[in-house]
Structures are given as C-alpha cells and as structure tokens.
Amino acid sequence: MDTPRFANMPNTNISQGYTASPWWMVMMEGVALVIVGLLLLVSPSTTTLVLVRILGWFWLIGGILSIVSIFIDNTQWGWKLAIGVLGLLAGLVVIQHPLWSAIMIPTLIVICLAVQALIVGAIELIQGFSGGGVGPFC
C-alpha cells in the first residue's frame, strides 16, 4: 500500500500557537475605523479634539493601572512607577488642555521621530565607517 506523499512531513498547521481574533471583533474594529475616518474627513478639528481626549483618558487609566500593578507584582517596580507617574501626568495634562494637546501631541511625535532618525543615522554612519554592514560588499 502506498503511503500518502506528505505522510512523513511534520505538522505545520498554522493554527498551532496562533490565536486569531474572532470575526466579530475584527468587524467591530473595521466599523470603528471607518467611522473615525469619516468623522476626520467631515469634521477634522472636532474629531481631533475628541481623539486627543480619548488618548488622555487612555494615558490616565494606563498610569493608574501601572501603579496598581506594582502591588500585584513588584518585579521591576521602578519602571512601573515611572510609567505610571508619566501616564498620570500626561493624561491629566491632555484632559485639562485638549486644544493645546491637539497641537502638541503631533509636534511631539515629529520630534521623537526626528531624534530617532538622528540617532539611528549616526549609529549606521559609525558602523559604515568602521566596516560593518550587511550585504555582499562587507
């Protein structure tokens, strides 16, 4: 009797170790993104203020939960405390000053990207001049 062609192949079922989101959760996310996209096109300033306020509440609640997590698991408590305090401060500032925050948050993101680009660029220049690199010309 012939054995099937793939009988000795290992089981490479993609579902092993992979947790997929339920279809309804993906659909809800899609509906929410379509609504946010339409609101940003129709009324960008008001929608930006609402999104900034949501971001402020997210940071505030995340900061509180980070500090509470210290009492549950005190490993790396210093980092958790620092993240919690920063989250609390950022959340309170954003919630109290939504107009100012709607201008400052995109500016802060651009500044962070610029600093990252400068640091990564400098590191790659140093590696390039010292003979490091990837590819056939190393």
N, C-alpha and C. Protein backbone atom coordinates (compact mmCIF):
# COMPACT_ATOMS: atom_id res chain seq x y z
N MET A 1 0.84 -1.16 0.00
CA MET A 1 0.00 0.00 0.00
C MET A 1 0.89 1.24 0.00
N ASP A 2 0.58 2.16 -0.85
CA ASP A 2 1.34 3.41 -0.93
C ASP A 2 0.97 4.34 0.22
N THR A 3 1.99 4.97 0.77
CA THR A 3 1.72 5.99 1.80
C THR A 3 1.51 7.32 1.11
N PRO A 4 0.71 8.16 1.71
CA PRO A 4 0.50 9.47 1.10
C PRO A 4 1.82 10.22 0.97
N ARG A 5 1.87 11.10 0.01
CA ARG A 5 3.09 11.82 -0.32
C ARG A 5 3.60 12.67 0.84
N PHE A 6 2.73 13.21 1.65
CA PHE A 6 3.13 14.11 2.73
C PHE A 6 3.03 13.46 4.11
N ALA A 7 3.04 12.13 4.15
CA ALA A 7 2.83 11.43 5.42
C ALA A 7 3.97 11.67 6.39
N ASN A 8 5.19 11.79 5.92
CA ASN A 8 6.35 11.95 6.80
C ASN A 8 6.68 13.41 7.09
N MET A 9 5.91 14.33 6.54
CA MET A 9 6.18 15.76 6.76
C MET A 9 5.68 16.14 8.15
N PRO A 10 6.38 17.05 8.82
CA PRO A 10 5.90 17.49 10.13
C PRO A 10 4.62 18.29 9.99
N ASN A 11 3.83 18.27 11.05
CA ASN A 11 2.58 19.01 11.05
C ASN A 11 2.89 20.51 11.17
N THR A 12 2.60 21.25 10.13
CA THR A 12 2.88 22.69 10.13
C THR A 12 1.57 23.47 10.11
N ASN A 13 0.65 23.03 10.90
CA ASN A 13 -0.64 23.69 10.99
C ASN A 13 -0.45 25.11 11.54
N ILE A 14 -0.91 26.10 10.82
CA ILE A 14 -0.70 27.49 11.20
C ILE A 14 -1.42 27.83 12.50
N SER A 15 -2.48 27.12 12.79
CA SER A 15 -3.26 27.47 13.98
C SER A 15 -2.56 27.07 15.28
N GLN A 16 -1.49 26.32 15.21
CA GLN A 16 -0.78 25.94 16.42
C GLN A 16 -0.02 27.15 16.94
N GLY A 17 -0.27 27.54 18.18
CA GLY A 17 0.44 28.65 18.78
C GLY A 17 -0.01 30.01 18.28
N TYR A 18 -1.05 30.07 17.51
CA TYR A 18 -1.54 31.32 16.95
C TYR A 18 -2.96 31.52 17.40
N THR A 19 -3.22 32.63 18.03
CA THR A 19 -4.57 32.93 18.49
C THR A 19 -5.15 34.00 17.58
N ALA A 20 -6.14 33.63 16.83
CA ALA A 20 -6.79 34.57 15.93
C ALA A 20 -7.90 35.30 16.67
N SER A 21 -8.15 36.53 16.25
CA SER A 21 -9.26 37.28 16.83
C SER A 21 -10.55 36.76 16.23
N PRO A 22 -11.61 36.77 17.02
CA PRO A 22 -12.90 36.36 16.46
C PRO A 22 -13.34 37.31 15.35
N TRP A 23 -14.13 36.80 14.42
CA TRP A 23 -14.53 37.61 13.26
C TRP A 23 -15.28 38.85 13.67
N TRP A 24 -16.10 38.76 14.71
CA TRP A 24 -16.91 39.90 15.11
C TRP A 24 -16.05 41.02 15.70
N MET A 25 -14.92 40.65 16.33
CA MET A 25 -14.03 41.67 16.88
C MET A 25 -13.33 42.42 15.76
N VAL A 26 -12.91 41.69 14.74
CA VAL A 26 -12.28 42.32 13.59
C VAL A 26 -13.29 43.22 12.88
N MET A 27 -14.54 42.76 12.78
CA MET A 27 -15.57 43.57 12.13
C MET A 27 -15.86 44.84 12.92
N MET A 28 -15.91 44.74 14.26
CA MET A 28 -16.14 45.93 15.08
C MET A 28 -15.00 46.93 14.94
N GLU A 29 -13.78 46.44 14.88
CA GLU A 29 -12.63 47.32 14.68
C GLU A 29 -12.72 48.02 13.33
N GLY A 30 -13.11 47.28 12.30
CA GLY A 30 -13.26 47.87 10.97
C GLY A 30 -14.34 48.94 10.94
N VAL A 31 -15.48 48.66 11.58
CA VAL A 31 -16.57 49.65 11.63
C VAL A 31 -16.11 50.90 12.37
N ALA A 32 -15.42 50.72 13.50
CA ALA A 32 -14.93 51.86 14.27
C ALA A 32 -13.95 52.69 13.46
N LEU A 33 -13.05 52.05 12.73
CA LEU A 33 -12.08 52.78 11.93
C LEU A 33 -12.74 53.52 10.78
N VAL A 34 -13.75 52.93 10.17
CA VAL A 34 -14.48 53.62 9.10
C VAL A 34 -15.19 54.85 9.66
N ILE A 35 -15.80 54.72 10.82
CA ILE A 35 -16.48 55.86 11.44
C ILE A 35 -15.49 56.97 11.78
N VAL A 36 -14.36 56.60 12.38
CA VAL A 36 -13.34 57.61 12.72
C VAL A 36 -12.81 58.27 11.45
N GLY A 37 -12.57 57.48 10.40
CA GLY A 37 -12.09 58.05 9.14
C GLY A 37 -13.09 59.03 8.54
N LEU A 38 -14.37 58.66 8.54
CA LEU A 38 -15.39 59.57 8.02
C LEU A 38 -15.50 60.84 8.86
N LEU A 39 -15.46 60.69 10.18
CA LEU A 39 -15.52 61.87 11.04
C LEU A 39 -14.31 62.78 10.83
N LEU A 40 -13.13 62.19 10.63
CA LEU A 40 -11.94 63.01 10.38
C LEU A 40 -12.05 63.75 9.05
N LEU A 41 -12.70 63.15 8.05
CA LEU A 41 -12.88 63.84 6.78
C LEU A 41 -13.95 64.92 6.87
N VAL A 42 -15.02 64.66 7.60
CA VAL A 42 -16.13 65.61 7.68
C VAL A 42 -15.81 66.77 8.63
N SER A 43 -15.29 66.47 9.79
CA SER A 43 -15.00 67.49 10.79
C SER A 43 -13.66 67.20 11.46
N PRO A 44 -12.55 67.53 10.81
CA PRO A 44 -11.25 67.14 11.34
C PRO A 44 -10.90 67.77 12.69
N SER A 45 -11.25 69.03 12.89
CA SER A 45 -10.84 69.69 14.14
C SER A 45 -11.58 69.11 15.35
N THR A 46 -12.88 68.95 15.24
CA THR A 46 -13.65 68.40 16.36
C THR A 46 -13.27 66.95 16.63
N THR A 47 -13.08 66.18 15.57
CA THR A 47 -12.71 64.77 15.74
C THR A 47 -11.32 64.66 16.37
N THR A 48 -10.40 65.53 15.98
CA THR A 48 -9.06 65.50 16.57
C THR A 48 -9.13 65.80 18.06
N LEU A 49 -9.95 66.77 18.44
CA LEU A 49 -10.10 67.08 19.86
C LEU A 49 -10.67 65.89 20.63
N VAL A 50 -11.65 65.22 20.06
CA VAL A 50 -12.24 64.04 20.72
C VAL A 50 -11.20 62.93 20.84
N LEU A 51 -10.44 62.69 19.78
CA LEU A 51 -9.42 61.63 19.81
C LEU A 51 -8.32 61.96 20.82
N VAL A 52 -7.96 63.23 20.92
CA VAL A 52 -6.94 63.63 21.90
C VAL A 52 -7.46 63.43 23.31
N ARG A 53 -8.72 63.74 23.53
CA ARG A 53 -9.31 63.49 24.86
C ARG A 53 -9.32 62.00 25.18
N ILE A 54 -9.67 61.17 24.20
CA ILE A 54 -9.65 59.71 24.42
C ILE A 54 -8.23 59.26 24.74
N LEU A 55 -7.25 59.81 24.05
CA LEU A 55 -5.85 59.48 24.32
C LEU A 55 -5.48 59.89 25.75
N GLY A 56 -5.96 61.04 26.20
CA GLY A 56 -5.70 61.48 27.57
C GLY A 56 -6.27 60.53 28.60
N TRP A 57 -7.51 60.10 28.39
CA TRP A 57 -8.12 59.13 29.31
C TRP A 57 -7.38 57.79 29.28
N PHE A 58 -6.93 57.40 28.07
CA PHE A 58 -6.17 56.16 27.93
C PHE A 58 -4.88 56.23 28.75
N TRP A 59 -4.15 57.35 28.64
CA TRP A 59 -2.91 57.51 29.40
C TRP A 59 -3.18 57.56 30.90
N LEU A 60 -4.25 58.26 31.31
CA LEU A 60 -4.58 58.37 32.73
C LEU A 60 -4.92 57.01 33.32
N ILE A 61 -5.79 56.26 32.67
CA ILE A 61 -6.18 54.94 33.17
C ILE A 61 -4.99 53.98 33.12
N GLY A 62 -4.19 54.05 32.06
CA GLY A 62 -3.00 53.20 31.97
C GLY A 62 -2.00 53.50 33.08
N GLY A 63 -1.85 54.79 33.43
CA GLY A 63 -0.96 55.16 34.53
C GLY A 63 -1.45 54.61 35.86
N ILE A 64 -2.75 54.72 36.09
CA ILE A 64 -3.33 54.19 37.33
C ILE A 64 -3.12 52.68 37.40
N LEU A 65 -3.41 51.99 36.30
CA LEU A 65 -3.26 50.53 36.30
C LEU A 65 -1.80 50.11 36.46
N SER A 66 -0.88 50.90 35.92
CA SER A 66 0.54 50.58 36.08
C SER A 66 0.96 50.70 37.54
N ILE A 67 0.47 51.72 38.21
CA ILE A 67 0.81 51.87 39.63
C ILE A 67 0.15 50.77 40.46
N VAL A 68 -1.08 50.42 40.15
CA VAL A 68 -1.77 49.34 40.87
C VAL A 68 -1.05 48.01 40.66
N SER A 69 -0.47 47.81 39.46
CA SER A 69 0.21 46.54 39.18
C SER A 69 1.45 46.35 40.04
N ILE A 70 1.98 47.43 40.60
CA ILE A 70 3.13 47.29 41.50
C ILE A 70 2.74 46.46 42.72
N PHE A 71 1.52 46.65 43.22
CA PHE A 71 1.07 45.94 44.42
C PHE A 71 0.72 44.49 44.13
N ILE A 72 0.49 44.17 42.87
CA ILE A 72 0.18 42.79 42.49
C ILE A 72 1.45 42.01 42.21
N ASP A 73 2.37 42.62 41.46
CA ASP A 73 3.64 42.00 41.12
C ASP A 73 4.71 43.08 41.19
N ASN A 74 5.57 43.02 42.21
CA ASN A 74 6.51 44.11 42.42
C ASN A 74 7.84 43.95 41.68
N THR A 75 7.92 43.05 40.70
CA THR A 75 9.13 42.99 39.88
C THR A 75 9.16 44.22 38.99
N GLN A 76 10.32 44.78 38.84
CA GLN A 76 10.56 46.00 38.05
C GLN A 76 9.63 47.13 38.49
N TRP A 77 9.50 47.30 39.78
CA TRP A 77 8.58 48.29 40.33
C TRP A 77 9.00 49.70 39.96
N GLY A 78 10.29 49.94 39.78
CA GLY A 78 10.76 51.28 39.42
C GLY A 78 10.24 51.71 38.06
N TRP A 79 10.31 50.80 37.09
CA TRP A 79 9.80 51.10 35.75
C TRP A 79 8.30 51.29 35.76
N LYS A 80 7.61 50.43 36.51
CA LYS A 80 6.16 50.54 36.59
C LYS A 80 5.74 51.85 37.24
N LEU A 81 6.47 52.26 38.28
CA LEU A 81 6.15 53.52 38.93
C LEU A 81 6.42 54.70 37.99
N ALA A 82 7.54 54.67 37.28
CA ALA A 82 7.86 55.76 36.35
C ALA A 82 6.82 55.84 35.23
N ILE A 83 6.46 54.70 34.67
CA ILE A 83 5.45 54.69 33.60
C ILE A 83 4.10 55.15 34.15
N GLY A 84 3.77 54.73 35.37
CA GLY A 84 2.51 55.14 35.97
C GLY A 84 2.44 56.63 36.21
N VAL A 85 3.50 57.19 36.76
CA VAL A 85 3.52 58.64 37.03
C VAL A 85 3.46 59.42 35.73
N LEU A 86 4.24 59.00 34.72
CA LEU A 86 4.19 59.67 33.42
C LEU A 86 2.81 59.57 32.79
N GLY A 87 2.19 58.41 32.90
CA GLY A 87 0.84 58.24 32.36
C GLY A 87 -0.17 59.12 33.05
N LEU A 88 -0.07 59.19 34.38
CA LEU A 88 -0.98 60.06 35.14
C LEU A 88 -0.80 61.53 34.74
N LEU A 89 0.45 61.98 34.71
CA LEU A 89 0.71 63.38 34.37
C LEU A 89 0.27 63.71 32.95
N ALA A 90 0.64 62.84 32.01
CA ALA A 90 0.27 63.09 30.61
C ALA A 90 -1.25 63.07 30.44
N GLY A 91 -1.91 62.12 31.08
CA GLY A 91 -3.36 62.04 30.98
C GLY A 91 -4.05 63.26 31.55
N LEU A 92 -3.60 63.71 32.71
CA LEU A 92 -4.21 64.90 33.32
C LEU A 92 -3.99 66.15 32.47
N VAL A 93 -2.78 66.32 31.94
CA VAL A 93 -2.50 67.50 31.11
C VAL A 93 -3.34 67.47 29.84
N VAL A 94 -3.44 66.33 29.21
CA VAL A 94 -4.20 66.23 27.96
C VAL A 94 -5.68 66.45 28.21
N ILE A 95 -6.20 65.91 29.30
CA ILE A 95 -7.63 66.08 29.60
C ILE A 95 -7.95 67.54 29.96
N GLN A 96 -7.06 68.18 30.70
CA GLN A 96 -7.31 69.56 31.12
C GLN A 96 -7.09 70.57 30.00
N HIS A 97 -6.22 70.28 29.05
CA HIS A 97 -5.89 71.22 27.98
C HIS A 97 -6.00 70.53 26.62
N PRO A 98 -7.20 70.21 26.16
CA PRO A 98 -7.33 69.46 24.91
C PRO A 98 -6.90 70.25 23.67
N LEU A 99 -7.14 71.55 23.62
CA LEU A 99 -6.72 72.33 22.45
C LEU A 99 -5.21 72.39 22.34
N TRP A 100 -4.56 72.68 23.44
CA TRP A 100 -3.11 72.74 23.46
C TRP A 100 -2.52 71.37 23.11
N SER A 101 -3.14 70.32 23.65
CA SER A 101 -2.64 68.96 23.40
C SER A 101 -2.82 68.54 21.95
N ALA A 102 -3.90 69.01 21.30
CA ALA A 102 -4.13 68.65 19.89
C ALA A 102 -3.03 69.22 19.01
N ILE A 103 -2.38 70.28 19.45
CA ILE A 103 -1.26 70.84 18.69
C ILE A 103 0.05 70.19 19.12
N MET A 104 0.21 69.97 20.41
CA MET A 104 1.48 69.49 20.94
C MET A 104 1.75 68.01 20.67
N ILE A 105 0.73 67.18 20.68
CA ILE A 105 0.96 65.73 20.51
C ILE A 105 1.54 65.42 19.13
N PRO A 106 0.98 65.93 18.01
CA PRO A 106 1.62 65.67 16.72
C PRO A 106 3.03 66.25 16.64
N THR A 107 3.24 67.42 17.25
CA THR A 107 4.57 68.03 17.26
C THR A 107 5.54 67.14 18.02
N LEU A 108 5.11 66.61 19.15
CA LEU A 108 5.95 65.73 19.95
C LEU A 108 6.30 64.45 19.19
N ILE A 109 5.34 63.92 18.46
CA ILE A 109 5.59 62.71 17.66
C ILE A 109 6.65 63.00 16.60
N VAL A 110 6.55 64.15 15.95
CA VAL A 110 7.53 64.51 14.92
C VAL A 110 8.91 64.68 15.55
N ILE A 111 8.97 65.31 16.72
CA ILE A 111 10.26 65.49 17.40
C ILE A 111 10.87 64.13 17.77
N CYS A 112 10.04 63.21 18.29
CA CYS A 112 10.54 61.87 18.63
C CYS A 112 11.06 61.13 17.40
N LEU A 113 10.33 61.23 16.29
CA LEU A 113 10.80 60.59 15.05
C LEU A 113 12.10 61.22 14.56
N ALA A 114 12.23 62.54 14.70
CA ALA A 114 13.46 63.21 14.27
C ALA A 114 14.65 62.77 15.12
N VAL A 115 14.46 62.69 16.43
CA VAL A 115 15.55 62.25 17.31
C VAL A 115 15.92 60.81 17.00
N GLN A 116 14.92 59.96 16.78
CA GLN A 116 15.20 58.57 16.43
C GLN A 116 15.98 58.48 15.13
N ALA A 117 15.58 59.26 14.13
CA ALA A 117 16.28 59.24 12.85
C ALA A 117 17.73 59.70 13.01
N LEU A 118 17.96 60.73 13.80
CA LEU A 118 19.33 61.21 14.04
C LEU A 118 20.18 60.15 14.73
N ILE A 119 19.64 59.51 15.75
CA ILE A 119 20.40 58.50 16.49
C ILE A 119 20.70 57.29 15.62
N VAL A 120 19.67 56.77 14.94
CA VAL A 120 19.88 55.59 14.08
C VAL A 120 20.82 55.94 12.93
N GLY A 121 20.67 57.12 12.35
CA GLY A 121 21.56 57.53 11.27
C GLY A 121 22.99 57.63 11.73
N ALA A 122 23.22 58.21 12.91
CA ALA A 122 24.59 58.32 13.42
C ALA A 122 25.19 56.95 13.69
N ILE A 123 24.39 56.05 14.27
CA ILE A 123 24.89 54.70 14.55
C ILE A 123 25.24 53.98 13.26
N GLU A 124 24.40 54.12 12.24
CA GLU A 124 24.69 53.45 10.97
C GLU A 124 25.88 54.07 10.27
N LEU A 125 26.09 55.37 10.39
CA LEU A 125 27.28 56.00 9.82
C LEU A 125 28.54 55.48 10.51
N ILE A 126 28.48 55.37 11.83
CA ILE A 126 29.64 54.84 12.56
C ILE A 126 29.92 53.40 12.15
N GLN A 127 28.87 52.59 12.02
CA GLN A 127 29.06 51.20 11.59
C GLN A 127 29.61 51.14 10.17
N GLY A 128 29.11 52.01 9.31
CA GLY A 128 29.58 52.02 7.93
C GLY A 128 31.04 52.39 7.82
N PHE A 129 31.47 53.41 8.56
CA PHE A 129 32.87 53.83 8.51
C PHE A 129 33.80 52.83 9.18
N SER A 130 33.27 52.03 10.12
CA SER A 130 34.12 51.05 10.79
C SER A 130 34.13 49.71 10.05
N GLY A 131 33.45 49.62 8.93
CA GLY A 131 33.49 48.42 8.12
C GLY A 131 32.35 47.45 8.38
N GLY A 132 31.41 47.80 9.23
CA GLY A 132 30.29 46.93 9.49
C GLY A 132 29.23 47.11 8.43
N GLY A 133 28.35 46.16 8.31
CA GLY A 133 27.28 46.26 7.34
C GLY A 133 26.75 44.92 6.97
N VAL A 134 25.76 44.92 6.09
CA VAL A 134 25.12 43.71 5.63
C VAL A 134 25.15 43.71 4.11
N GLY A 135 25.47 42.60 3.54
CA GLY A 135 25.43 42.52 2.09
C GLY A 135 26.72 41.96 1.51
N PRO A 136 26.81 41.92 0.17
CA PRO A 136 27.96 41.28 -0.47
C PRO A 136 29.23 42.12 -0.39
N PHE A 137 29.15 43.37 -0.02
CA PHE A 137 30.32 44.23 -0.04
C PHE A 137 30.94 44.40 1.33
N CYS A 138 30.57 43.58 2.31
CA CYS A 138 31.08 43.71 3.68
C CYS A 138 32.53 43.28 3.77
